[in-house]
Amino acid sequence: MATATDQAAPPRKVSMISWLALALAALLAIAAGFSVPMYLSPEAPKKAAAPKETKRPALIPFGDVVVNLGEERLTRYLRCKLLVVVDETHQKTVTDLLAKQKPFLKSWLISYLSDQSLQEVSGAAGVNRIRRDVRDQFNAMLFPDGSERIQDILFDEFVVQ
């Protein structure tokens, strides 16, 4: 004798239409997940309305420096002319600060360069390291608040003899 629990109902088959409806709902959810943030983002209208402005650099001449390199006999010297690269909008501010602080900056630069050896100032890696160190120190001395308005230091002349 069979009881009601022994007689299980045959498994229900899911029709093809149900699978298609489920797949369509999943695709709509994925599409909405990607598109809704683009329309709700506050930056979306700004990017579409205003094209990105290109910042033009301005070059400010700093002057030249001649130092003996840190060699034993002091037979080698370095002569370099610097250009300070800033954003065009900060050119006047940086020019005024450079004029005021030039003796301090030049004194630091002479001390820094005279500590370098011939091997440290030769080659692209050495020159780029010097440019980076000078830029970082000039930014620290001119802008103690931490803003870095000097973008780069370029050498107009770099002669080692």
N, C-alpha and C. Protein backbone atom coordinates (compact mmCIF):
# COMPACT_ATOMS: atom_id res chain seq x y z
N MET A 1 0.80 -1.15 0.00
CA MET A 1 0.00 0.00 0.00
C MET A 1 0.87 1.25 0.00
N ALA A 2 0.61 2.17 -0.87
CA ALA A 2 1.43 3.37 -1.02
C ALA A 2 0.76 4.52 -0.29
N THR A 3 1.59 5.26 0.41
CA THR A 3 1.08 6.43 1.12
C THR A 3 1.23 7.68 0.24
N ALA A 4 0.70 8.77 0.74
CA ALA A 4 0.72 10.00 -0.03
C ALA A 4 2.14 10.54 -0.18
N THR A 5 3.00 10.27 0.80
CA THR A 5 4.37 10.78 0.72
C THR A 5 5.21 9.96 -0.21
N ASP A 6 4.87 8.70 -0.40
CA ASP A 6 5.66 7.86 -1.31
C ASP A 6 5.40 8.22 -2.75
N GLN A 7 4.21 8.69 -3.01
CA GLN A 7 3.89 9.06 -4.38
C GLN A 7 4.29 10.51 -4.61
N ALA A 8 5.48 10.68 -5.13
CA ALA A 8 5.98 12.03 -5.38
C ALA A 8 5.44 12.53 -6.70
N ALA A 9 5.24 13.80 -6.72
CA ALA A 9 4.75 14.40 -7.96
C ALA A 9 5.87 14.39 -8.98
N PRO A 10 5.55 14.19 -10.22
CA PRO A 10 6.61 14.19 -11.24
C PRO A 10 7.30 15.55 -11.29
N PRO A 11 8.62 15.58 -11.55
CA PRO A 11 9.33 16.88 -11.57
C PRO A 11 8.74 17.79 -12.64
N ARG A 12 8.63 19.05 -12.29
CA ARG A 12 8.03 20.03 -13.18
C ARG A 12 9.09 20.50 -14.18
N LYS A 13 8.75 20.52 -15.42
CA LYS A 13 9.67 20.93 -16.45
C LYS A 13 9.53 22.44 -16.67
N VAL A 14 10.69 23.09 -16.78
CA VAL A 14 10.68 24.53 -17.03
C VAL A 14 10.65 24.73 -18.53
N SER A 15 9.74 25.51 -18.96
CA SER A 15 9.59 25.70 -20.40
C SER A 15 10.68 26.63 -20.95
N MET A 16 10.84 26.58 -22.25
CA MET A 16 11.85 27.38 -22.93
C MET A 16 11.54 28.87 -22.79
N ILE A 17 10.28 29.25 -22.73
CA ILE A 17 9.88 30.65 -22.59
C ILE A 17 10.33 31.19 -21.24
N SER A 18 10.28 30.38 -20.19
CA SER A 18 10.73 30.80 -18.87
C SER A 18 12.22 31.10 -18.88
N TRP A 19 13.01 30.26 -19.54
CA TRP A 19 14.46 30.48 -19.61
C TRP A 19 14.77 31.76 -20.38
N LEU A 20 14.08 32.00 -21.46
CA LEU A 20 14.31 33.22 -22.24
C LEU A 20 13.94 34.46 -21.45
N ALA A 21 12.85 34.40 -20.70
CA ALA A 21 12.44 35.54 -19.88
C ALA A 21 13.48 35.82 -18.79
N LEU A 22 14.01 34.77 -18.20
CA LEU A 22 15.03 34.92 -17.16
C LEU A 22 16.32 35.51 -17.74
N ALA A 23 16.73 35.04 -18.90
CA ALA A 23 17.94 35.55 -19.55
C ALA A 23 17.76 37.01 -19.95
N LEU A 24 16.59 37.37 -20.45
CA LEU A 24 16.32 38.75 -20.83
C LEU A 24 16.35 39.67 -19.61
N ALA A 25 15.79 39.23 -18.50
CA ALA A 25 15.81 40.03 -17.27
C ALA A 25 17.24 40.22 -16.77
N ALA A 26 18.07 39.18 -16.88
CA ALA A 26 19.46 39.29 -16.45
C ALA A 26 20.23 40.28 -17.32
N LEU A 27 20.01 40.23 -18.64
CA LEU A 27 20.68 41.17 -19.54
C LEU A 27 20.26 42.61 -19.27
N LEU A 28 18.98 42.82 -19.01
CA LEU A 28 18.51 44.17 -18.69
C LEU A 28 19.12 44.68 -17.38
N ALA A 29 19.26 43.83 -16.39
CA ALA A 29 19.86 44.22 -15.12
C ALA A 29 21.33 44.59 -15.29
N ILE A 30 22.04 43.82 -16.11
CA ILE A 30 23.46 44.12 -16.35
C ILE A 30 23.60 45.44 -17.09
N ALA A 31 22.78 45.64 -18.11
CA ALA A 31 22.84 46.89 -18.88
C ALA A 31 22.52 48.09 -18.00
N ALA A 32 21.53 47.96 -17.13
CA ALA A 32 21.17 49.05 -16.23
C ALA A 32 22.30 49.32 -15.24
N GLY A 33 22.96 48.27 -14.79
CA GLY A 33 24.07 48.45 -13.85
C GLY A 33 25.23 49.23 -14.45
N PHE A 34 25.45 49.08 -15.74
CA PHE A 34 26.54 49.82 -16.39
C PHE A 34 26.13 51.23 -16.78
N SER A 35 24.89 51.43 -17.19
CA SER A 35 24.50 52.73 -17.73
C SER A 35 24.00 53.73 -16.70
N VAL A 36 23.38 53.30 -15.63
CA VAL A 36 22.83 54.22 -14.65
C VAL A 36 23.91 55.10 -14.00
N PRO A 37 25.05 54.58 -13.59
CA PRO A 37 26.06 55.46 -12.99
C PRO A 37 26.57 56.53 -13.96
N MET A 38 26.57 56.25 -15.24
CA MET A 38 27.04 57.25 -16.20
C MET A 38 26.08 58.43 -16.26
N TYR A 39 24.79 58.18 -16.12
CA TYR A 39 23.81 59.26 -16.18
C TYR A 39 23.65 59.98 -14.86
N LEU A 40 23.92 59.31 -13.75
CA LEU A 40 23.76 59.92 -12.44
C LEU A 40 25.02 60.61 -11.94
N SER A 41 26.14 60.39 -12.60
CA SER A 41 27.41 60.98 -12.17
C SER A 41 27.37 62.49 -12.36
N PRO A 42 27.79 63.29 -11.36
CA PRO A 42 27.77 64.75 -11.52
C PRO A 42 28.84 65.24 -12.50
N GLU A 43 29.85 64.43 -12.80
CA GLU A 43 30.92 64.85 -13.70
C GLU A 43 30.57 64.63 -15.17
N ALA A 44 29.55 63.84 -15.45
CA ALA A 44 29.22 63.52 -16.84
C ALA A 44 28.88 64.75 -17.67
N PRO A 45 28.03 65.68 -17.20
CA PRO A 45 27.74 66.85 -18.03
C PRO A 45 28.95 67.75 -18.21
N LYS A 46 29.81 67.86 -17.21
CA LYS A 46 30.98 68.72 -17.32
C LYS A 46 31.93 68.22 -18.39
N LYS A 47 32.15 66.91 -18.43
CA LYS A 47 33.06 66.36 -19.42
C LYS A 47 32.52 66.53 -20.83
N ALA A 48 31.22 66.38 -20.98
CA ALA A 48 30.64 66.48 -22.31
C ALA A 48 30.54 67.94 -22.76
N ALA A 49 30.29 68.86 -21.83
CA ALA A 49 30.07 70.26 -22.20
C ALA A 49 31.38 71.00 -22.47
N ALA A 50 32.37 70.83 -21.60
CA ALA A 50 33.60 71.59 -21.74
C ALA A 50 34.74 70.67 -22.13
N PRO A 51 35.41 70.93 -23.22
CA PRO A 51 36.57 70.11 -23.56
C PRO A 51 37.71 70.39 -22.58
N LYS A 52 38.54 69.41 -22.40
CA LYS A 52 39.64 69.52 -21.45
C LYS A 52 40.64 70.59 -21.91
N GLU A 53 40.94 71.50 -20.99
CA GLU A 53 41.89 72.56 -21.31
C GLU A 53 43.31 72.02 -21.24
N THR A 54 44.11 72.44 -22.17
CA THR A 54 45.51 72.04 -22.14
C THR A 54 46.29 73.14 -21.43
N LYS A 55 47.07 72.73 -20.48
CA LYS A 55 47.89 73.68 -19.74
C LYS A 55 49.18 73.90 -20.50
N ARG A 56 49.50 75.15 -20.68
CA ARG A 56 50.73 75.47 -21.39
C ARG A 56 51.81 75.82 -20.38
N PRO A 57 52.96 75.24 -20.54
CA PRO A 57 54.04 75.55 -19.61
C PRO A 57 54.69 76.89 -19.95
N ALA A 58 55.21 77.51 -18.93
CA ALA A 58 55.97 78.75 -19.09
C ALA A 58 57.38 78.49 -18.59
N LEU A 59 58.37 79.04 -19.28
CA LEU A 59 59.77 78.87 -18.90
C LEU A 59 60.27 80.15 -18.25
N ILE A 60 60.85 80.00 -17.07
CA ILE A 60 61.41 81.13 -16.34
C ILE A 60 62.91 80.89 -16.21
N PRO A 61 63.74 81.77 -16.75
CA PRO A 61 65.19 81.58 -16.61
C PRO A 61 65.62 81.82 -15.17
N PHE A 62 66.45 80.91 -14.67
CA PHE A 62 66.96 81.05 -13.30
C PHE A 62 68.35 81.65 -13.29
N GLY A 63 69.14 81.32 -14.27
CA GLY A 63 70.51 81.83 -14.30
C GLY A 63 71.49 80.68 -14.39
N ASP A 64 72.75 81.01 -14.27
CA ASP A 64 73.78 79.98 -14.37
C ASP A 64 74.51 79.82 -13.06
N VAL A 65 75.10 78.64 -12.91
CA VAL A 65 75.85 78.28 -11.70
C VAL A 65 77.11 77.57 -12.14
N VAL A 66 78.24 77.93 -11.54
CA VAL A 66 79.50 77.25 -11.81
C VAL A 66 80.06 76.77 -10.47
N VAL A 67 80.33 75.45 -10.39
CA VAL A 67 80.86 74.88 -9.15
C VAL A 67 81.96 73.89 -9.47
N ASN A 68 82.87 73.73 -8.51
CA ASN A 68 83.84 72.64 -8.58
C ASN A 68 83.15 71.39 -8.07
N LEU A 69 83.36 70.28 -8.79
CA LEU A 69 82.76 69.03 -8.36
C LEU A 69 83.49 68.47 -7.15
N GLY A 70 82.84 67.62 -6.42
CA GLY A 70 83.40 67.05 -5.20
C GLY A 70 84.44 65.99 -5.48
N GLU A 71 85.49 66.33 -6.16
CA GLU A 71 86.61 65.43 -6.45
C GLU A 71 87.76 65.77 -5.51
N GLU A 72 88.69 64.87 -5.40
CA GLU A 72 89.81 65.06 -4.48
C GLU A 72 90.66 66.28 -4.84
N ARG A 73 90.99 66.43 -6.09
CA ARG A 73 91.88 67.52 -6.50
C ARG A 73 91.15 68.79 -6.92
N LEU A 74 89.84 68.75 -7.00
CA LEU A 74 89.03 69.87 -7.44
C LEU A 74 89.43 70.34 -8.84
N THR A 75 89.69 69.39 -9.73
CA THR A 75 90.10 69.73 -11.09
C THR A 75 88.92 69.78 -12.04
N ARG A 76 87.79 69.29 -11.64
CA ARG A 76 86.61 69.26 -12.51
C ARG A 76 85.60 70.30 -12.04
N TYR A 77 84.96 70.94 -12.99
CA TYR A 77 83.91 71.86 -12.61
C TYR A 77 82.67 71.64 -13.48
N LEU A 78 81.56 72.11 -12.98
CA LEU A 78 80.27 71.99 -13.65
C LEU A 78 79.71 73.39 -13.84
N ARG A 79 79.30 73.67 -15.07
CA ARG A 79 78.62 74.93 -15.37
C ARG A 79 77.26 74.58 -15.96
N CYS A 80 76.21 75.13 -15.37
CA CYS A 80 74.87 74.84 -15.88
C CYS A 80 74.00 76.09 -15.81
N LYS A 81 73.09 76.17 -16.77
CA LYS A 81 72.08 77.22 -16.79
C LYS A 81 70.73 76.54 -16.64
N LEU A 82 69.92 77.08 -15.75
CA LEU A 82 68.64 76.45 -15.43
C LEU A 82 67.46 77.23 -15.98
N LEU A 83 66.43 76.49 -16.36
CA LEU A 83 65.13 77.04 -16.71
C LEU A 83 64.10 76.37 -15.80
N VAL A 84 63.23 77.14 -15.23
CA VAL A 84 62.20 76.63 -14.34
C VAL A 84 60.90 76.55 -15.15
N VAL A 85 60.27 75.37 -15.16
CA VAL A 85 59.03 75.15 -15.90
C VAL A 85 57.86 75.20 -14.92
N VAL A 86 56.93 76.13 -15.20
CA VAL A 86 55.73 76.27 -14.38
C VAL A 86 54.52 76.36 -15.29
N ASP A 87 53.34 76.21 -14.71
CA ASP A 87 52.11 76.41 -15.45
C ASP A 87 51.98 77.90 -15.77
N GLU A 88 51.40 78.20 -16.91
CA GLU A 88 51.27 79.59 -17.35
C GLU A 88 50.49 80.44 -16.35
N THR A 89 49.54 79.83 -15.65
CA THR A 89 48.73 80.58 -14.69
C THR A 89 49.52 80.99 -13.44
N HIS A 90 50.60 80.27 -13.13
CA HIS A 90 51.40 80.57 -11.93
C HIS A 90 52.70 81.30 -12.27
N GLN A 91 52.88 81.72 -13.50
CA GLN A 91 54.15 82.29 -13.92
C GLN A 91 54.53 83.53 -13.12
N LYS A 92 53.61 84.46 -12.95
CA LYS A 92 53.94 85.70 -12.24
C LYS A 92 54.28 85.43 -10.78
N THR A 93 53.51 84.58 -10.13
CA THR A 93 53.75 84.26 -8.72
C THR A 93 55.13 83.62 -8.54
N VAL A 94 55.43 82.65 -9.37
CA VAL A 94 56.71 81.95 -9.24
C VAL A 94 57.87 82.87 -9.61
N THR A 95 57.70 83.72 -10.62
CA THR A 95 58.76 84.65 -11.00
C THR A 95 59.08 85.59 -9.86
N ASP A 96 58.05 86.12 -9.20
CA ASP A 96 58.27 87.02 -8.06
C ASP A 96 58.96 86.30 -6.91
N LEU A 97 58.52 85.06 -6.62
CA LEU A 97 59.16 84.31 -5.54
C LEU A 97 60.61 83.97 -5.86
N LEU A 98 60.87 83.62 -7.12
CA LEU A 98 62.25 83.31 -7.52
C LEU A 98 63.14 84.53 -7.37
N ALA A 99 62.62 85.71 -7.71
CA ALA A 99 63.42 86.93 -7.58
C ALA A 99 63.74 87.23 -6.11
N LYS A 100 62.76 87.02 -5.23
CA LYS A 100 62.98 87.27 -3.80
C LYS A 100 63.94 86.26 -3.17
N GLN A 101 63.75 84.99 -3.52
CA GLN A 101 64.48 83.91 -2.86
C GLN A 101 65.71 83.44 -3.63
N LYS A 102 66.07 84.11 -4.71
CA LYS A 102 67.16 83.64 -5.56
C LYS A 102 68.49 83.45 -4.81
N PRO A 103 68.91 84.36 -3.93
CA PRO A 103 70.17 84.11 -3.22
C PRO A 103 70.15 82.82 -2.40
N PHE A 104 69.03 82.52 -1.76
CA PHE A 104 68.93 81.30 -0.96
C PHE A 104 68.91 80.05 -1.84
N LEU A 105 68.15 80.13 -2.92
CA LEU A 105 68.08 79.00 -3.84
C LEU A 105 69.43 78.74 -4.51
N LYS A 106 70.11 79.82 -4.91
CA LYS A 106 71.40 79.66 -5.58
C LYS A 106 72.45 79.12 -4.61
N SER A 107 72.41 79.56 -3.37
CA SER A 107 73.34 79.06 -2.37
C SER A 107 73.13 77.56 -2.14
N TRP A 108 71.86 77.15 -2.03
CA TRP A 108 71.60 75.73 -1.86
C TRP A 108 72.05 74.95 -3.08
N LEU A 109 71.80 75.49 -4.26
CA LEU A 109 72.16 74.81 -5.50
C LEU A 109 73.67 74.65 -5.62
N ILE A 110 74.43 75.67 -5.24
CA ILE A 110 75.90 75.57 -5.28
C ILE A 110 76.38 74.50 -4.31
N SER A 111 75.84 74.48 -3.11
CA SER A 111 76.23 73.45 -2.13
C SER A 111 75.88 72.05 -2.62
N TYR A 112 74.69 71.91 -3.17
CA TYR A 112 74.24 70.61 -3.64
C TYR A 112 75.11 70.11 -4.79
N LEU A 113 75.34 70.96 -5.78
CA LEU A 113 76.12 70.54 -6.94
C LEU A 113 77.59 70.30 -6.62
N SER A 114 78.13 71.07 -5.66
CA SER A 114 79.54 70.87 -5.31
C SER A 114 79.76 69.57 -4.54
N ASP A 115 78.70 68.99 -4.00
CA ASP A 115 78.81 67.69 -3.34
C ASP A 115 78.79 66.52 -4.32
N GLN A 116 78.46 66.77 -5.56
CA GLN A 116 78.35 65.70 -6.55
C GLN A 116 79.73 65.35 -7.11
N SER A 117 79.90 64.08 -7.45
CA SER A 117 81.14 63.64 -8.07
C SER A 117 80.96 63.62 -9.59
N LEU A 118 82.04 63.38 -10.30
CA LEU A 118 81.97 63.33 -11.75
C LEU A 118 81.05 62.21 -12.21
N GLN A 119 81.09 61.08 -11.57
CA GLN A 119 80.24 59.95 -11.95
C GLN A 119 78.77 60.25 -11.68
N GLU A 120 78.47 61.02 -10.65
CA GLU A 120 77.09 61.31 -10.30
C GLU A 120 76.44 62.32 -11.25
N VAL A 121 77.24 63.16 -11.92
CA VAL A 121 76.67 64.14 -12.83
C VAL A 121 76.75 63.71 -14.29
N SER A 122 77.33 62.56 -14.57
CA SER A 122 77.44 62.12 -15.95
C SER A 122 76.33 61.13 -16.27
N GLY A 123 75.91 61.14 -17.52
CA GLY A 123 74.87 60.22 -17.97
C GLY A 123 73.48 60.79 -17.76
N ALA A 124 72.54 60.22 -18.50
CA ALA A 124 71.16 60.70 -18.44
C ALA A 124 70.54 60.46 -17.06
N ALA A 125 70.86 59.35 -16.43
CA ALA A 125 70.28 59.05 -15.12
C ALA A 125 70.75 60.07 -14.08
N GLY A 126 72.02 60.43 -14.13
CA GLY A 126 72.55 61.41 -13.18
C GLY A 126 71.95 62.79 -13.39
N VAL A 127 71.82 63.20 -14.64
CA VAL A 127 71.24 64.51 -14.94
C VAL A 127 69.77 64.56 -14.53
N ASN A 128 69.03 63.50 -14.81
CA ASN A 128 67.61 63.47 -14.42
C ASN A 128 67.43 63.45 -12.91
N ARG A 129 68.32 62.78 -12.21
CA ARG A 129 68.25 62.77 -10.74
C ARG A 129 68.50 64.17 -10.20
N ILE A 130 69.47 64.87 -10.76
CA ILE A 130 69.76 66.24 -10.33
C ILE A 130 68.56 67.14 -10.60
N ARG A 131 67.98 67.03 -11.79
CA ARG A 131 66.79 67.84 -12.12
C ARG A 131 65.67 67.61 -11.12
N ARG A 132 65.43 66.34 -10.80
CA ARG A 132 64.36 66.00 -9.87
C ARG A 132 64.66 66.53 -8.47
N ASP A 133 65.90 66.39 -8.00
CA ASP A 133 66.25 66.87 -6.67
C ASP A 133 66.15 68.40 -6.58
N VAL A 134 66.60 69.08 -7.62
CA VAL A 134 66.53 70.55 -7.63
C VAL A 134 65.07 70.99 -7.64
N ARG A 135 64.25 70.36 -8.46
CA ARG A 135 62.82 70.71 -8.51
C ARG A 135 62.16 70.52 -7.15
N ASP A 136 62.43 69.39 -6.51
CA ASP A 136 61.82 69.11 -5.20
C ASP A 136 62.26 70.12 -4.15
N GLN A 137 63.54 70.47 -4.15
CA GLN A 137 64.05 71.42 -3.15
C GLN A 137 63.53 72.83 -3.42
N PHE A 138 63.48 73.24 -4.68
CA PHE A 138 62.94 74.56 -5.01
C PHE A 138 61.48 74.65 -4.59
N ASN A 139 60.69 73.62 -4.86
CA ASN A 139 59.29 73.61 -4.43
C ASN A 139 59.18 73.69 -2.92
N ALA A 140 60.04 72.96 -2.21
CA ALA A 140 59.98 72.98 -0.75
C ALA A 140 60.38 74.34 -0.19
N MET A 141 61.36 74.98 -0.81
CA MET A 141 61.81 76.28 -0.31
C MET A 141 60.85 77.41 -0.68
N LEU A 142 60.28 77.36 -1.85
CA LEU A 142 59.40 78.45 -2.30
C LEU A 142 57.97 78.30 -1.79
N PHE A 143 57.51 77.06 -1.65
CA PHE A 143 56.13 76.82 -1.26
C PHE A 143 56.09 75.89 -0.05
N PRO A 144 56.27 76.43 1.14
CA PRO A 144 56.28 75.57 2.34
C PRO A 144 54.93 74.93 2.64
N ASP A 145 53.86 75.40 1.99
CA ASP A 145 52.54 74.80 2.24
C ASP A 145 52.38 73.45 1.55
N GLY A 146 53.34 73.04 0.73
CA GLY A 146 53.30 71.73 0.10
C GLY A 146 52.83 71.74 -1.34
N SER A 147 52.39 72.89 -1.83
CA SER A 147 51.96 72.93 -3.23
C SER A 147 53.20 72.91 -4.13
N GLU A 148 53.11 72.16 -5.19
CA GLU A 148 54.24 72.04 -6.10
C GLU A 148 53.90 72.76 -7.40
N ARG A 149 54.29 74.00 -7.47
CA ARG A 149 53.98 74.79 -8.66
C ARG A 149 55.08 74.69 -9.71
N ILE A 150 56.26 74.31 -9.30
CA ILE A 150 57.33 74.10 -10.27
C ILE A 150 57.18 72.68 -10.81
N GLN A 151 56.93 72.59 -12.12
CA GLN A 151 56.69 71.29 -12.73
C GLN A 151 57.98 70.57 -13.08
N ASP A 152 58.98 71.32 -13.50
CA ASP A 152 60.22 70.68 -13.94
C ASP A 152 61.34 71.70 -13.93
N ILE A 153 62.55 71.19 -13.96
CA ILE A 153 63.75 72.00 -14.12
C ILE A 153 64.42 71.51 -15.40
N LEU A 154 64.72 72.44 -16.29
CA LEU A 154 65.41 72.09 -17.52
C LEU A 154 66.80 72.73 -17.50
N PHE A 155 67.75 72.03 -18.12
CA PHE A 155 69.09 72.58 -18.24
C PHE A 155 69.22 73.19 -19.63
N ASP A 156 69.45 74.48 -19.67
CA ASP A 156 69.72 75.15 -20.94
C ASP A 156 71.16 74.87 -21.36
N GLU A 157 72.01 74.67 -20.36
CA GLU A 157 73.41 74.35 -20.58
C GLU A 157 73.88 73.47 -19.43
N PHE A 158 74.67 72.46 -19.75
CA PHE A 158 75.19 71.54 -18.72
C PHE A 158 76.55 71.07 -19.19
N VAL A 159 77.60 71.71 -18.67
CA VAL A 159 78.96 71.44 -19.14
C VAL A 159 79.81 70.98 -17.96
N VAL A 160 80.46 69.84 -18.15
CA VAL A 160 81.39 69.33 -17.14
C VAL A 160 82.78 69.31 -17.77
N GLN A 161 83.75 69.94 -17.10
CA GLN A 161 85.13 69.94 -17.59
C GLN A 161 86.06 69.56 -16.48
